[in-house]
Amino acid sequence: QVQLVESGGGLVQPGGSLRLSCVASGSARPAGVMAWYRQAPGKQRELVARVESNGNTNYADSVKGRFTSSRDSAKDTVYLQMNSLKPDDTAVYYCYVRRLFSNADYWGQGTQVTVSS
């Protein structure tokens, strides 16, 4: 049973924008912390943005000022708006959810983002 469904990845030119979405379902709800991670080839998975249940958001230094993450708690959906994309942003982006009042963690299947001319 798929708990997190991501969408919105693709190929974009440098300087372009993409918007990722992730919807939590089933045992992943209600969502507490919702976050985006990414993993580039040959590199470790890294945190991109983290949105707490109260809406507080933290970003990796490498994306501050370019990426914005938000959530719709009623729909248990998290978004990642990515602007001014760079080739270094190329990676598989993963959605992460920790269920509210729980230590249960869930990961999405990943969506490829490629920034290239």
N, C-alpha and C. Protein backbone atom coordinates (compact mmCIF):
# COMPACT_ATOMS: atom_id res chain seq x y z
N GLN A 1 0.84 -1.19 0.00
CA GLN A 1 0.00 0.00 0.00
C GLN A 1 0.88 1.24 0.00
N VAL A 2 0.71 2.08 -1.00
CA VAL A 2 1.53 3.29 -1.15
C VAL A 2 1.02 4.33 -0.18
N GLN A 3 1.91 4.87 0.64
CA GLN A 3 1.54 5.85 1.64
C GLN A 3 1.79 7.28 1.20
N LEU A 4 2.85 7.47 0.40
CA LEU A 4 3.20 8.81 -0.07
C LEU A 4 3.30 8.78 -1.60
N VAL A 5 2.64 9.69 -2.24
CA VAL A 5 2.67 9.78 -3.70
C VAL A 5 3.21 11.14 -4.09
N GLU A 6 4.33 11.11 -4.81
CA GLU A 6 4.98 12.35 -5.25
C GLU A 6 4.65 12.60 -6.71
N SER A 7 4.70 13.87 -7.08
CA SER A 7 4.52 14.24 -8.48
C SER A 7 5.22 15.57 -8.74
N GLY A 8 5.46 15.86 -10.02
CA GLY A 8 5.97 17.17 -10.41
C GLY A 8 7.40 17.22 -10.88
N GLY A 9 8.12 16.13 -10.84
CA GLY A 9 9.50 16.17 -11.31
C GLY A 9 9.58 16.27 -12.82
N GLY A 10 10.80 16.42 -13.32
CA GLY A 10 10.98 16.49 -14.76
C GLY A 10 12.28 17.14 -15.14
N LEU A 11 12.36 17.50 -16.41
CA LEU A 11 13.55 18.17 -16.97
C LEU A 11 13.26 19.65 -17.14
N VAL A 12 14.19 20.47 -16.67
CA VAL A 12 14.02 21.92 -16.76
C VAL A 12 15.37 22.55 -17.07
N GLN A 13 15.35 23.67 -17.74
CA GLN A 13 16.58 24.38 -18.04
C GLN A 13 17.07 25.16 -16.82
N PRO A 14 18.36 25.44 -16.75
CA PRO A 14 18.86 26.27 -15.64
C PRO A 14 18.11 27.60 -15.59
N GLY A 15 17.77 27.99 -14.36
CA GLY A 15 17.00 29.20 -14.16
C GLY A 15 15.50 28.97 -14.15
N GLY A 16 15.08 27.78 -14.50
CA GLY A 16 13.66 27.45 -14.55
C GLY A 16 13.09 27.08 -13.20
N SER A 17 11.82 26.68 -13.22
CA SER A 17 11.09 26.36 -11.99
C SER A 17 10.36 25.03 -12.14
N LEU A 18 10.19 24.39 -11.01
CA LEU A 18 9.36 23.19 -10.91
C LEU A 18 8.66 23.21 -9.57
N ARG A 19 7.52 22.53 -9.51
CA ARG A 19 6.80 22.40 -8.26
C ARG A 19 6.53 20.93 -7.99
N LEU A 20 7.01 20.44 -6.86
CA LEU A 20 6.77 19.07 -6.46
C LEU A 20 5.62 19.02 -5.46
N SER A 21 4.87 17.92 -5.51
CA SER A 21 3.80 17.70 -4.56
C SER A 21 3.93 16.30 -3.97
N CYS A 22 3.48 16.15 -2.75
CA CYS A 22 3.49 14.84 -2.10
C CYS A 22 2.24 14.73 -1.24
N VAL A 23 1.45 13.69 -1.51
CA VAL A 23 0.22 13.45 -0.78
C VAL A 23 0.39 12.22 0.11
N ALA A 24 0.09 12.39 1.39
CA ALA A 24 0.15 11.27 2.34
C ALA A 24 -1.22 10.60 2.43
N SER A 25 -1.19 9.30 2.58
CA SER A 25 -2.43 8.55 2.70
C SER A 25 -2.26 7.42 3.69
N GLY A 26 -3.36 6.77 4.00
CA GLY A 26 -3.35 5.58 4.85
C GLY A 26 -2.69 5.80 6.19
N SER A 27 -1.78 4.92 6.56
CA SER A 27 -1.16 4.96 7.88
C SER A 27 -0.18 6.12 8.03
N ALA A 28 0.14 6.83 6.97
CA ALA A 28 1.01 8.01 7.07
C ALA A 28 0.24 9.23 7.58
N ARG A 29 -1.06 9.11 7.71
CA ARG A 29 -1.88 10.23 8.18
C ARG A 29 -2.29 10.02 9.64
N PRO A 30 -2.46 11.05 10.45
CA PRO A 30 -2.17 12.43 10.06
C PRO A 30 -0.66 12.68 10.06
N ALA A 31 -0.23 13.52 9.16
CA ALA A 31 1.20 13.79 9.03
C ALA A 31 1.65 14.79 10.09
N GLY A 32 2.77 14.50 10.69
CA GLY A 32 3.41 15.44 11.60
C GLY A 32 4.44 16.23 10.80
N VAL A 33 5.71 15.88 10.96
CA VAL A 33 6.75 16.51 10.15
C VAL A 33 6.61 16.03 8.70
N MET A 34 6.72 16.98 7.78
CA MET A 34 6.76 16.65 6.35
C MET A 34 8.02 17.29 5.79
N ALA A 35 8.73 16.58 4.96
CA ALA A 35 10.04 17.09 4.50
C ALA A 35 10.34 16.60 3.10
N TRP A 36 11.30 17.28 2.49
CA TRP A 36 11.84 16.89 1.20
C TRP A 36 13.34 16.63 1.37
N TYR A 37 13.77 15.52 0.84
CA TYR A 37 15.18 15.17 0.75
C TYR A 37 15.53 15.00 -0.71
N ARG A 38 16.82 15.00 -0.99
CA ARG A 38 17.25 14.70 -2.35
C ARG A 38 18.55 13.91 -2.32
N GLN A 39 18.76 13.15 -3.38
CA GLN A 39 19.98 12.36 -3.51
C GLN A 39 20.47 12.43 -4.94
N ALA A 40 21.65 12.99 -5.09
CA ALA A 40 22.28 13.07 -6.40
C ALA A 40 23.16 11.83 -6.60
N PRO A 41 23.47 11.47 -7.82
CA PRO A 41 24.31 10.30 -8.08
C PRO A 41 25.65 10.38 -7.35
N GLY A 42 25.99 9.34 -6.63
CA GLY A 42 27.26 9.29 -5.92
C GLY A 42 27.31 10.09 -4.63
N LYS A 43 26.18 10.66 -4.24
CA LYS A 43 26.15 11.48 -3.03
C LYS A 43 25.15 10.92 -2.03
N GLN A 44 25.29 11.35 -0.78
CA GLN A 44 24.36 10.94 0.25
C GLN A 44 23.05 11.72 0.14
N ARG A 45 22.00 11.11 0.64
CA ARG A 45 20.72 11.81 0.69
C ARG A 45 20.84 12.97 1.66
N GLU A 46 20.30 14.12 1.26
CA GLU A 46 20.39 15.32 2.10
C GLU A 46 19.02 15.97 2.26
N LEU A 47 18.86 16.63 3.39
CA LEU A 47 17.61 17.34 3.66
C LEU A 47 17.57 18.61 2.81
N VAL A 48 16.44 18.84 2.19
CA VAL A 48 16.23 20.06 1.41
C VAL A 48 15.36 21.04 2.19
N ALA A 49 14.23 20.57 2.68
CA ALA A 49 13.30 21.43 3.41
C ALA A 49 12.49 20.57 4.36
N ARG A 50 12.16 21.18 5.50
CA ARG A 50 11.42 20.46 6.53
C ARG A 50 10.31 21.37 7.03
N VAL A 51 9.09 20.87 7.05
CA VAL A 51 7.95 21.66 7.49
C VAL A 51 7.34 20.98 8.70
N GLU A 52 7.34 21.67 9.83
CA GLU A 52 6.76 21.12 11.05
C GLU A 52 5.23 21.18 10.97
N SER A 53 4.59 20.51 11.90
CA SER A 53 3.12 20.50 11.91
C SER A 53 2.54 21.89 12.17
N ASN A 54 3.32 22.77 12.82
CA ASN A 54 2.84 24.13 13.07
C ASN A 54 3.18 25.08 11.91
N GLY A 55 3.79 24.54 10.86
CA GLY A 55 4.12 25.34 9.69
C GLY A 55 5.54 25.89 9.66
N ASN A 56 6.26 25.81 10.77
CA ASN A 56 7.64 26.26 10.77
C ASN A 56 8.45 25.46 9.75
N THR A 57 9.28 26.17 9.01
CA THR A 57 10.01 25.55 7.91
C THR A 57 11.50 25.86 7.99
N ASN A 58 12.30 24.86 7.72
CA ASN A 58 13.75 25.02 7.65
C ASN A 58 14.24 24.54 6.29
N TYR A 59 15.30 25.19 5.82
CA TYR A 59 15.85 24.87 4.51
C TYR A 59 17.34 24.62 4.57
N ALA A 60 17.82 23.80 3.65
CA ALA A 60 19.26 23.65 3.47
C ALA A 60 19.82 24.97 2.96
N ASP A 61 21.02 25.30 3.37
CA ASP A 61 21.63 26.56 2.95
C ASP A 61 21.69 26.67 1.43
N SER A 62 21.88 25.55 0.77
CA SER A 62 22.07 25.57 -0.68
C SER A 62 20.80 25.95 -1.45
N VAL A 63 19.64 25.91 -0.78
CA VAL A 63 18.39 26.22 -1.49
C VAL A 63 17.68 27.44 -0.93
N LYS A 64 18.19 28.01 0.15
CA LYS A 64 17.54 29.18 0.76
C LYS A 64 17.42 30.31 -0.26
N GLY A 65 16.26 30.91 -0.28
CA GLY A 65 16.01 32.01 -1.21
C GLY A 65 15.55 31.56 -2.58
N ARG A 66 15.65 30.26 -2.86
CA ARG A 66 15.24 29.74 -4.17
C ARG A 66 14.07 28.76 -4.05
N PHE A 67 14.07 27.97 -2.99
CA PHE A 67 13.03 26.95 -2.79
C PHE A 67 12.10 27.39 -1.67
N THR A 68 10.83 27.04 -1.83
CA THR A 68 9.85 27.30 -0.79
C THR A 68 9.01 26.04 -0.59
N SER A 69 8.90 25.60 0.65
CA SER A 69 8.07 24.44 0.96
C SER A 69 6.88 24.89 1.79
N SER A 70 5.74 24.30 1.51
CA SER A 70 4.52 24.61 2.25
C SER A 70 3.70 23.34 2.37
N ARG A 71 2.69 23.40 3.23
CA ARG A 71 1.84 22.24 3.42
C ARG A 71 0.39 22.63 3.53
N ASP A 72 -0.45 21.71 3.13
CA ASP A 72 -1.88 21.81 3.36
C ASP A 72 -2.21 20.70 4.35
N SER A 73 -2.31 21.05 5.61
CA SER A 73 -2.46 20.03 6.64
C SER A 73 -3.81 19.32 6.53
N ALA A 74 -4.82 20.00 6.05
CA ALA A 74 -6.12 19.36 5.89
C ALA A 74 -6.07 18.22 4.87
N LYS A 75 -5.17 18.35 3.92
CA LYS A 75 -5.02 17.33 2.88
C LYS A 75 -3.78 16.48 3.08
N ASP A 76 -3.02 16.75 4.15
CA ASP A 76 -1.76 16.05 4.38
C ASP A 76 -0.91 16.03 3.11
N THR A 77 -0.74 17.20 2.56
CA THR A 77 0.01 17.38 1.33
C THR A 77 1.12 18.40 1.56
N VAL A 78 2.28 18.12 1.03
CA VAL A 78 3.40 19.05 1.14
C VAL A 78 3.88 19.38 -0.27
N TYR A 79 4.30 20.62 -0.43
CA TYR A 79 4.75 21.12 -1.73
C TYR A 79 6.19 21.62 -1.63
N LEU A 80 6.88 21.59 -2.76
CA LEU A 80 8.20 22.19 -2.85
C LEU A 80 8.25 22.99 -4.14
N GLN A 81 8.23 24.30 -4.00
CA GLN A 81 8.36 25.20 -5.15
C GLN A 81 9.83 25.50 -5.34
N MET A 82 10.36 25.14 -6.49
CA MET A 82 11.78 25.30 -6.78
C MET A 82 11.96 26.31 -7.90
N ASN A 83 12.60 27.42 -7.58
CA ASN A 83 12.86 28.47 -8.56
C ASN A 83 14.36 28.62 -8.76
N SER A 84 14.73 29.31 -9.82
CA SER A 84 16.14 29.56 -10.13
C SER A 84 16.96 28.27 -10.04
N LEU A 85 16.45 27.24 -10.66
CA LEU A 85 17.10 25.93 -10.56
C LEU A 85 18.48 25.94 -11.22
N LYS A 86 19.37 25.18 -10.61
CA LYS A 86 20.75 25.05 -11.08
C LYS A 86 21.04 23.59 -11.42
N PRO A 87 22.04 23.35 -12.26
CA PRO A 87 22.40 21.95 -12.54
C PRO A 87 22.71 21.15 -11.27
N ASP A 88 23.26 21.81 -10.25
CA ASP A 88 23.56 21.12 -8.98
C ASP A 88 22.32 20.66 -8.25
N ASP A 89 21.15 21.14 -8.64
CA ASP A 89 19.90 20.70 -8.03
C ASP A 89 19.42 19.37 -8.62
N THR A 90 20.10 18.89 -9.64
CA THR A 90 19.71 17.62 -10.24
C THR A 90 19.86 16.49 -9.24
N ALA A 91 18.78 15.75 -9.03
CA ALA A 91 18.76 14.69 -8.03
C ALA A 91 17.40 13.99 -8.08
N VAL A 92 17.32 12.90 -7.37
CA VAL A 92 16.02 12.30 -7.07
C VAL A 92 15.53 12.93 -5.78
N TYR A 93 14.33 13.48 -5.82
CA TYR A 93 13.75 14.14 -4.66
C TYR A 93 12.75 13.19 -3.99
N TYR A 94 12.90 13.06 -2.67
CA TYR A 94 12.07 12.16 -1.89
C TYR A 94 11.24 12.94 -0.88
N CYS A 95 10.00 12.56 -0.77
CA CYS A 95 9.12 13.08 0.26
C CYS A 95 9.27 12.21 1.50
N TYR A 96 9.23 12.85 2.66
CA TYR A 96 9.32 12.15 3.95
C TYR A 96 8.21 12.65 4.86
N VAL A 97 7.62 11.73 5.58
CA VAL A 97 6.60 12.07 6.56
C VAL A 97 6.84 11.27 7.84
N ARG A 98 6.77 11.95 8.95
CA ARG A 98 6.68 11.27 10.24
C ARG A 98 5.24 11.47 10.72
N ARG A 99 4.59 10.36 10.98
CA ARG A 99 3.19 10.46 11.41
C ARG A 99 3.10 11.20 12.74
N LEU A 100 2.09 12.01 12.89
CA LEU A 100 1.89 12.82 14.08
C LEU A 100 1.81 11.94 15.32
N PHE A 101 2.50 12.36 16.38
CA PHE A 101 2.50 11.66 17.68
C PHE A 101 2.99 10.23 17.53
N SER A 102 3.94 10.02 16.66
CA SER A 102 4.44 8.68 16.37
C SER A 102 5.89 8.74 15.93
N ASN A 103 6.58 7.63 16.02
CA ASN A 103 7.92 7.52 15.44
C ASN A 103 7.89 6.80 14.09
N ALA A 104 6.72 6.63 13.53
CA ALA A 104 6.59 5.95 12.25
C ALA A 104 7.00 6.88 11.11
N ASP A 105 7.97 6.47 10.33
CA ASP A 105 8.50 7.26 9.22
C ASP A 105 8.08 6.65 7.89
N TYR A 106 7.80 7.52 6.93
CA TYR A 106 7.40 7.06 5.61
C TYR A 106 8.18 7.83 4.55
N TRP A 107 8.51 7.13 3.48
CA TRP A 107 9.23 7.73 2.36
C TRP A 107 8.46 7.54 1.06
N GLY A 108 8.52 8.55 0.21
CA GLY A 108 7.96 8.41 -1.12
C GLY A 108 8.91 7.64 -2.02
N GLN A 109 8.44 7.38 -3.22
CA GLN A 109 9.21 6.58 -4.16
C GLN A 109 10.30 7.38 -4.87
N GLY A 110 10.24 8.67 -4.75
CA GLY A 110 11.23 9.54 -5.38
C GLY A 110 10.77 10.02 -6.74
N THR A 111 11.13 11.26 -7.05
CA THR A 111 10.82 11.82 -8.36
C THR A 111 12.08 12.51 -8.88
N GLN A 112 12.41 12.25 -10.14
CA GLN A 112 13.64 12.76 -10.72
C GLN A 112 13.48 14.22 -11.13
N VAL A 113 14.43 15.03 -10.72
CA VAL A 113 14.53 16.42 -11.18
C VAL A 113 15.87 16.57 -11.89
N THR A 114 15.83 16.97 -13.14
CA THR A 114 17.04 17.16 -13.93
C THR A 114 17.08 18.59 -14.43
N VAL A 115 18.16 19.28 -14.11
CA VAL A 115 18.34 20.66 -14.54
C VAL A 115 19.48 20.68 -15.56
N SER A 116 19.13 20.92 -16.80
CA SER A 116 20.13 20.84 -17.86
C SER A 116 19.67 21.65 -19.06
N SER A 117 20.63 22.21 -19.76
CA SER A 117 20.32 22.92 -21.00
C SER A 117 20.47 21.98 -22.20
